[in-house]
Amino acid sequence: MMRERRKIVEMWRRGVARALVTLVRVEGSSYRRTGARLLVGSDGSYAGAISGGCLEAEVLRKAQWMTRSGAVVERYSTLFDDTAEIPYGLGCGGTVDLLIEPVGTAVFEALMEAMEASLRGEARRVVTRLPDGDVGLQRTVLDEHGRVLFGERAASDASFDEWLDAPQRLILFGAGDDAQPMVKMAGLMGWNATVVDGRPQWGRTERFPEAARVMVGDSFDSVKMLAISEHDAVVVMTHSYEQDRMWLAGVMPCAPRYLGLLGARHRSALLVREVAVRLGWSVERACSGLFAPVGLDLGGDGAEAIALAVIAEVQACIEGKLGISRRMTAEMVEEQVALGGAARYLQGQCAL
């Protein structure tokens, strides 16, 4: 949805929008979640989606006509039932309510500005009272601290309450060729990717055109500049043992929501044990916040397959769907170290 939000804001800024459609209620099955949006343009263009394709044509054709007297809520059935009174039976398995509102109103502009602010990293809460009879559409916008930015104080019985979160931030320590497809896939997800590398020949903006930021850094000061938080996802993938050790030691105390380490099991085990000693942590504590081997076990080989596995695991982490992730334990660390010997990391290959 984050990428769609960007496209909707871009279309709004072009000045061709004529109506906005928001999925506000779902009963049964639906291809999209509540909060999905479709911005309708005057030139036949559109941005976003509110179904798997079964409702868009109908809504695009009628949206401007439906909103000639203001915002309305229309109900559509996606059950396959030719006798139903509610349109639009196409077999998707549920009933949805769509808020269809005209552009140019104060409440519409407030929503668009909130969406734009969220893309800058400023989360917003949007509380909407759907039109009902003689009562028109009402909307309140608040910042992440609860301060009202538009409208009146949000009511507890609001019809539709949503958070517009900032884009997921993905920070890659390592600007090798295998980082490039990872940044591209992050861009497709609508995330903001930051790439950090101590080697100027690798940490160049032209190598990562989809990245929000490319930095050259080789010290703890770089970690401090990034202000890594519990909302971020981080992957350490420099292919340098010393650099990986330095970045891990700097990032682990920040406790990002996802911290992945690229490399062979034995190499990763040695790194975890050394970083734990450097931080004064137990190995168990160091392992608890680390994904190693990095990425879901999807199979395949090469940079693109690794990128897909990592992006999929970060997405699963965000959505709380980590049932099949591979995690390193303290027992695995000691086993790998005992089996390999301290010098074996020099021959290790950085692979899943």
Protein backbone atom coordinates (compact mmCIF):
# COMPACT_ATOMS: atom_id res chain seq x y z
CA MET A 1 0.00 0.00 0.00
CA MET A 2 2.93 2.36 0.56
CA ARG A 3 3.84 2.39 -3.14
CA GLU A 4 0.21 3.05 -4.02
CA ARG A 5 0.18 5.92 -1.54
CA ARG A 6 3.12 7.48 -3.35
CA LYS A 7 1.35 7.19 -6.70
CA ILE A 8 -1.86 8.69 -5.28
CA VAL A 9 0.02 11.66 -3.83
CA GLU A 10 1.90 12.17 -7.11
CA MET A 11 -1.37 12.15 -9.08
CA TRP A 12 -2.97 14.59 -6.63
CA ARG A 13 -0.02 16.95 -7.03
CA ARG A 14 -0.43 16.82 -10.83
CA GLY A 15 -3.90 18.31 -10.41
CA VAL A 16 -5.85 15.78 -12.48
CA ALA A 17 -7.75 14.03 -9.66
CA ARG A 18 -11.56 14.11 -9.64
CA ALA A 19 -12.69 11.60 -6.99
CA LEU A 20 -11.19 9.46 -4.24
CA VAL A 21 -12.47 5.99 -3.36
CA THR A 22 -11.59 4.41 -0.01
CA LEU A 23 -12.39 0.88 1.15
CA VAL A 24 -13.87 1.51 4.61
CA ARG A 25 -15.61 -1.74 5.56
CA VAL A 26 -15.30 -5.42 4.62
CA GLU A 27 -17.66 -8.30 5.37
CA GLY A 28 -16.44 -11.76 4.38
CA SER A 29 -13.54 -12.11 1.97
CA SER A 30 -11.87 -9.22 0.18
CA TYR A 31 -8.78 -8.93 -2.00
CA ARG A 32 -7.83 -5.65 -0.28
CA ARG A 33 -7.88 -4.51 3.33
CA THR A 34 -9.70 -1.51 4.69
CA GLY A 35 -7.80 1.66 3.91
CA ALA A 36 -7.08 0.69 0.30
CA ARG A 37 -7.64 3.67 -2.02
CA LEU A 38 -8.26 4.49 -5.66
CA LEU A 39 -7.78 8.04 -6.96
CA VAL A 40 -9.78 8.72 -10.12
CA GLY A 41 -8.44 11.16 -12.70
CA SER A 42 -10.30 13.41 -15.10
CA ASP A 43 -8.32 12.04 -18.04
CA GLY A 44 -9.23 8.40 -17.44
CA SER A 45 -6.10 7.72 -15.40
CA TYR A 46 -6.12 6.35 -11.86
CA ALA A 47 -3.79 5.42 -9.02
CA GLY A 48 -4.26 2.70 -6.45
CA ALA A 49 -6.76 -0.16 -6.24
CA ILE A 50 -9.70 -1.18 -4.06
CA SER A 51 -10.14 -4.77 -5.28
CA GLY A 52 -8.43 -7.39 -7.39
CA GLY A 53 -9.82 -5.70 -10.49
CA CYS A 54 -13.50 -6.60 -10.26
CA LEU A 55 -14.72 -3.21 -8.98
CA GLU A 56 -12.34 -0.71 -10.54
CA ALA A 57 -14.04 -0.39 -13.93
CA GLU A 58 -17.46 0.18 -12.35
CA VAL A 59 -16.15 2.74 -9.87
CA LEU A 60 -14.02 4.58 -12.44
CA ARG A 61 -17.05 4.95 -14.69
CA LYS A 62 -19.39 6.26 -12.01
CA ALA A 63 -17.26 7.96 -9.34
CA GLN A 64 -17.58 11.54 -10.59
CA TRP A 65 -21.32 11.15 -11.15
CA MET A 66 -21.83 9.60 -7.69
CA THR A 67 -20.13 12.52 -5.95
CA ARG A 68 -21.97 15.33 -7.73
CA SER A 69 -23.75 16.17 -4.45
CA GLY A 70 -20.88 15.31 -2.11
CA ALA A 71 -19.34 12.23 -0.53
CA VAL A 72 -21.32 8.98 -0.49
CA VAL A 73 -20.88 5.42 0.76
CA GLU A 74 -21.72 2.68 -1.72
CA ARG A 75 -21.98 -1.02 -0.90
CA TYR A 76 -20.82 -3.68 -3.34
CA SER A 77 -21.23 -7.43 -3.06
CA THR A 78 -18.49 -9.56 -4.57
CA LEU A 79 -20.45 -12.76 -3.92
CA PHE A 80 -21.37 -14.68 -7.03
CA ASP A 81 -25.15 -14.20 -6.84
CA ASP A 82 -27.14 -12.95 -9.81
CA THR A 83 -30.23 -12.42 -7.62
CA ALA A 84 -28.61 -10.20 -5.00
CA GLU A 85 -29.94 -6.66 -4.62
CA ILE A 86 -26.46 -5.30 -3.95
CA PRO A 87 -24.20 -4.99 -6.99
CA TYR A 88 -21.62 -6.26 -8.03
CA GLY A 89 -21.54 -10.04 -7.82
CA LEU A 90 -18.29 -11.27 -9.31
CA GLY A 91 -17.38 -14.17 -7.08
CA CYS A 92 -14.67 -12.70 -4.80
CA GLY A 93 -16.57 -13.75 -1.71
CA GLY A 94 -17.55 -10.69 0.36
CA THR A 95 -19.28 -7.35 0.70
CA VAL A 96 -17.42 -4.05 0.78
CA ASP A 97 -18.37 -0.45 1.59
CA LEU A 98 -16.65 2.23 -0.46
CA LEU A 99 -16.42 5.87 0.54
CA ILE A 100 -16.45 7.95 -2.64
CA GLU A 101 -15.62 11.61 -2.16
CA PRO A 102 -15.01 14.54 -4.49
CA VAL A 103 -11.68 16.33 -4.65
CA GLY A 104 -11.14 19.97 -3.82
CA THR A 105 -12.87 19.94 -0.44
CA ALA A 106 -11.11 20.79 2.81
CA VAL A 107 -11.50 17.25 4.13
CA PHE A 108 -10.04 15.78 0.95
CA GLU A 109 -7.06 18.14 0.98
CA ALA A 110 -6.41 17.36 4.65
CA LEU A 111 -6.24 13.65 3.87
CA MET A 112 -3.89 14.17 0.93
CA GLU A 113 -1.60 16.36 3.02
CA ALA A 114 -1.58 13.70 5.74
CA MET A 115 -0.66 11.03 3.20
CA GLU A 116 2.13 13.23 1.85
CA ALA A 117 3.45 13.89 5.36
CA SER A 118 3.54 10.16 6.09
CA LEU A 119 5.75 9.61 3.04
CA ARG A 120 8.18 12.13 4.52
CA GLY A 121 8.37 10.00 7.65
CA GLU A 122 5.75 11.85 9.73
CA ALA A 123 3.08 9.39 10.86
CA ARG A 124 -0.52 10.59 10.91
CA ARG A 125 -3.77 9.37 12.43
CA VAL A 126 -6.85 10.04 10.30
CA VAL A 127 -10.30 9.72 11.86
CA THR A 128 -13.24 9.87 9.45
CA ARG A 129 -16.98 10.13 10.11
CA LEU A 130 -18.73 8.71 7.10
CA PRO A 131 -21.63 10.69 5.57
CA ASP A 132 -24.98 9.64 6.99
CA GLY A 133 -28.23 11.28 5.95
CA ASP A 134 -27.99 15.04 6.39
CA VAL A 135 -24.58 14.77 8.07
CA GLY A 136 -21.76 15.09 5.57
CA LEU A 137 -18.26 13.68 5.57
CA GLN A 138 -16.13 14.81 8.51
CA ARG A 139 -12.45 14.19 9.12
CA THR A 140 -9.86 14.79 11.84
CA VAL A 141 -6.11 14.55 11.28
CA LEU A 142 -3.71 14.15 14.21
CA ASP A 143 0.06 13.81 14.43
CA GLU A 144 1.72 10.82 16.09
CA HIS A 145 1.55 12.59 19.48
CA GLY A 146 -2.21 13.11 19.25
CA ARG A 147 -2.14 16.82 18.40
CA VAL A 148 -5.01 17.87 16.14
CA LEU A 149 -3.77 19.23 12.83
CA PHE A 150 -7.13 19.46 11.07
CA GLY A 151 -10.75 19.29 12.18
CA GLU A 152 -12.04 18.84 15.70
CA ARG A 153 -10.99 16.41 18.39
CA ALA A 154 -11.52 12.84 17.14
CA ALA A 155 -14.67 11.19 18.46
CA SER A 156 -14.58 7.70 19.96
CA ASP A 157 -17.50 6.57 17.75
CA ALA A 158 -15.81 7.52 14.48
CA SER A 159 -16.74 5.42 11.46
CA PHE A 160 -13.20 4.88 10.16
CA ASP A 161 -9.96 5.27 12.11
CA GLU A 162 -6.58 4.65 10.49
CA TRP A 163 -2.87 5.20 10.96
CA LEU A 164 -0.80 6.42 8.04
CA ASP A 165 2.59 5.03 9.00
CA ALA A 166 5.89 6.24 7.60
CA PRO A 167 7.50 3.99 4.95
CA GLN A 168 9.44 1.03 6.26
CA ARG A 169 13.13 1.91 6.43
CA LEU A 170 15.60 -0.74 5.24
CA ILE A 171 19.27 -0.08 6.02
CA LEU A 172 21.91 -2.10 4.22
CA PHE A 173 25.47 -2.11 5.52
CA GLY A 174 27.28 -3.17 2.38
CA ALA A 175 27.04 -1.81 -1.16
CA GLY A 176 28.14 -4.84 -3.15
CA ASP A 177 26.42 -6.05 -6.30
CA ASP A 178 24.10 -8.28 -4.24
CA ALA A 179 22.72 -5.20 -2.48
CA GLN A 180 21.41 -3.74 -5.75
CA PRO A 181 18.46 -6.13 -6.30
CA MET A 182 17.60 -5.82 -2.61
CA VAL A 183 17.27 -2.04 -2.96
CA LYS A 184 15.18 -2.46 -6.12
CA MET A 185 12.78 -4.87 -4.39
CA ALA A 186 12.53 -2.55 -1.40
CA GLY A 187 11.53 0.21 -3.79
CA LEU A 188 8.78 -1.99 -5.25
CA MET A 189 7.46 -2.42 -1.70
CA GLY A 190 7.42 1.34 -1.20
CA TRP A 191 10.15 1.21 1.46
CA ASN A 192 12.92 3.75 1.96
CA ALA A 193 16.28 2.05 1.49
CA THR A 194 19.56 3.41 2.88
CA VAL A 195 22.89 1.94 1.78
CA VAL A 196 26.08 2.39 3.84
CA ASP A 197 29.57 1.26 2.88
CA GLY A 198 33.08 2.22 3.90
CA ARG A 199 34.35 1.85 0.34
CA PRO A 200 33.78 5.01 -1.75
CA GLN A 201 33.96 3.07 -5.00
CA TRP A 202 30.93 1.03 -3.92
CA GLY A 203 28.91 3.55 -1.94
CA ARG A 204 27.86 5.65 -4.93
CA THR A 205 24.39 7.05 -5.60
CA GLU A 206 24.45 6.02 -9.26
CA ARG A 207 24.77 2.37 -8.23
CA PHE A 208 21.55 2.61 -6.22
CA PRO A 209 19.13 4.98 -8.02
CA GLU A 210 16.16 3.59 -6.08
CA ALA A 211 17.73 4.23 -2.67
CA ALA A 212 16.55 7.12 -0.51
CA ARG A 213 20.10 7.59 0.76
CA VAL A 214 23.60 6.29 0.00
CA MET A 215 26.34 6.95 2.58
CA VAL A 216 30.07 6.34 2.76
CA GLY A 217 30.94 5.49 6.35
CA ASP A 218 33.24 3.20 8.29
CA SER A 219 32.72 4.01 11.96
CA PHE A 220 30.20 4.00 14.79
CA ASP A 221 29.45 7.63 13.95
CA SER A 222 27.64 6.41 10.84
CA VAL A 223 25.33 4.31 13.00
CA LYS A 224 24.63 7.31 15.23
CA MET A 225 23.82 9.47 12.19
CA LEU A 226 21.21 6.95 11.05
CA ALA A 227 19.39 7.03 14.41
CA ILE A 228 18.30 3.41 14.02
CA SER A 229 15.10 2.65 15.92
CA GLU A 230 12.91 -0.32 16.79
CA HIS A 231 10.90 0.33 13.61
CA ASP A 232 13.82 -0.18 11.21
CA ALA A 233 15.06 -3.23 9.32
CA VAL A 234 18.82 -3.70 8.97
CA VAL A 235 20.91 -6.15 6.95
CA VAL A 236 24.69 -6.46 7.44
CA MET A 237 26.25 -7.69 4.20
CA THR A 238 29.66 -6.09 3.57
CA HIS A 239 31.48 -9.40 2.80
CA SER A 240 34.23 -8.13 5.12
CA TYR A 241 34.56 -9.92 8.45
CA GLU A 242 35.98 -6.88 10.24
CA GLN A 243 33.36 -4.48 8.86
CA ASP A 244 30.50 -6.87 9.61
CA ARG A 245 31.76 -7.19 13.18
CA MET A 246 31.94 -3.42 13.57
CA TRP A 247 28.45 -2.81 12.13
CA LEU A 248 26.88 -5.60 14.19
CA ALA A 249 28.40 -4.21 17.38
CA GLY A 250 27.04 -0.78 16.53
CA VAL A 251 23.55 -1.87 15.45
CA MET A 252 22.67 -4.60 17.97
CA PRO A 253 22.18 -2.17 20.90
CA CYS A 254 19.74 -0.16 18.74
CA ALA A 255 17.41 -3.21 18.71
CA PRO A 256 15.88 -2.76 15.24
CA ARG A 257 12.79 -4.81 14.52
CA TYR A 258 14.82 -6.85 12.01
CA LEU A 259 18.57 -7.43 11.99
CA GLY A 260 19.88 -9.87 9.39
CA LEU A 261 23.43 -11.10 8.84
CA LEU A 262 24.52 -12.42 5.44
CA GLY A 263 27.12 -15.16 5.50
CA ALA A 264 27.89 -18.82 6.02
CA ARG A 265 26.80 -20.38 9.31
CA HIS A 266 30.29 -20.81 10.70
CA ARG A 267 31.31 -17.26 9.83
CA SER A 268 28.10 -15.88 11.39
CA ALA A 269 28.64 -17.96 14.54
CA LEU A 270 32.13 -16.53 15.02
CA LEU A 271 30.85 -13.00 14.44
CA VAL A 272 28.03 -13.37 16.94
CA ARG A 273 30.33 -14.70 19.65
CA GLU A 274 32.92 -11.94 19.13
CA VAL A 275 30.28 -9.20 19.07
CA ALA A 276 28.66 -10.59 22.22
CA VAL A 277 32.05 -10.40 24.00
CA ARG A 278 32.65 -6.86 22.73
CA LEU A 279 29.24 -5.72 24.00
CA GLY A 280 29.46 -7.62 27.27
CA TRP A 281 26.38 -9.63 26.32
CA SER A 282 25.61 -13.30 26.54
CA VAL A 283 25.53 -15.20 23.24
CA GLU A 284 21.85 -15.90 23.90
CA ARG A 285 21.11 -12.18 24.05
CA ALA A 286 23.03 -11.50 20.84
CA CYS A 287 21.19 -14.29 19.02
CA SER A 288 17.76 -13.19 20.20
CA GLY A 289 17.70 -10.12 17.98
CA LEU A 290 19.46 -11.60 14.94
CA PHE A 291 18.25 -13.35 11.80
CA ALA A 292 21.04 -15.65 10.65
CA PRO A 293 21.10 -17.30 8.21
CA VAL A 294 19.43 -14.26 6.72
CA GLY A 295 16.25 -14.62 4.66
CA LEU A 296 13.46 -17.16 4.36
CA ASP A 297 14.49 -20.58 3.10
CA LEU A 298 13.00 -20.17 -0.39
CA GLY A 299 15.71 -21.98 -2.31
CA GLY A 300 17.50 -20.63 -5.35
CA ASP A 301 20.90 -19.09 -5.87
CA GLY A 302 22.36 -15.72 -6.81
CA ALA A 303 21.83 -12.11 -5.79
CA GLU A 304 18.19 -11.90 -6.87
CA ALA A 305 17.17 -15.05 -5.00
CA ILE A 306 18.93 -13.84 -1.85
CA ALA A 307 17.27 -10.44 -2.17
CA LEU A 308 13.84 -12.05 -2.54
CA ALA A 309 14.44 -14.24 0.54
CA VAL A 310 15.53 -11.27 2.65
CA ILE A 311 12.77 -8.89 1.53
CA ALA A 312 10.21 -11.64 2.14
CA GLU A 313 11.53 -12.21 5.66
CA VAL A 314 11.47 -8.49 6.47
CA GLN A 315 7.88 -8.32 5.23
CA ALA A 316 6.97 -11.34 7.34
CA CYS A 317 8.59 -9.65 10.35
CA ILE A 318 6.57 -6.47 9.77
CA GLU A 319 3.34 -8.45 9.50
CA GLY A 320 4.06 -10.80 12.40
CA LYS A 321 4.27 -13.89 10.14
CA LEU A 322 7.68 -15.27 11.08
CA GLY A 323 6.72 -18.88 11.65
CA ILE A 324 9.20 -20.29 9.10
CA SER A 325 12.21 -18.03 9.70
CA ARG A 326 15.59 -19.60 10.42
CA ARG A 327 17.22 -18.32 13.60
CA MET A 328 20.64 -18.84 15.11
CA THR A 329 20.78 -20.06 18.71
CA ALA A 330 23.56 -20.00 21.27
CA GLU A 331 23.88 -23.79 20.92
CA MET A 332 24.36 -23.46 17.17
CA VAL A 333 27.05 -20.82 17.69
CA GLU A 334 29.09 -23.01 20.01
CA GLU A 335 28.62 -26.06 17.77
CA GLN A 336 29.79 -24.24 14.65
CA VAL A 337 32.78 -22.72 16.43
CA ALA A 338 33.81 -26.08 17.88
CA LEU A 339 33.49 -27.83 14.53
CA GLY A 340 35.32 -25.29 12.43
CA GLY A 341 38.16 -23.70 14.33
CA ALA A 342 38.75 -19.97 14.62
CA ALA A 343 40.56 -19.56 11.29
CA ARG A 344 37.94 -21.18 9.10
CA TYR A 345 35.97 -17.97 8.57
CA LEU A 346 38.71 -16.89 6.13
CA GLN A 347 37.53 -19.59 3.73
CA GLY A 348 33.81 -19.09 4.35
CA GLN A 349 31.64 -17.98 1.47
CA CYS A 350 29.01 -15.32 2.08
CA ALA A 351 25.87 -17.23 1.18
CA LEU A 352 22.52 -18.01 2.70
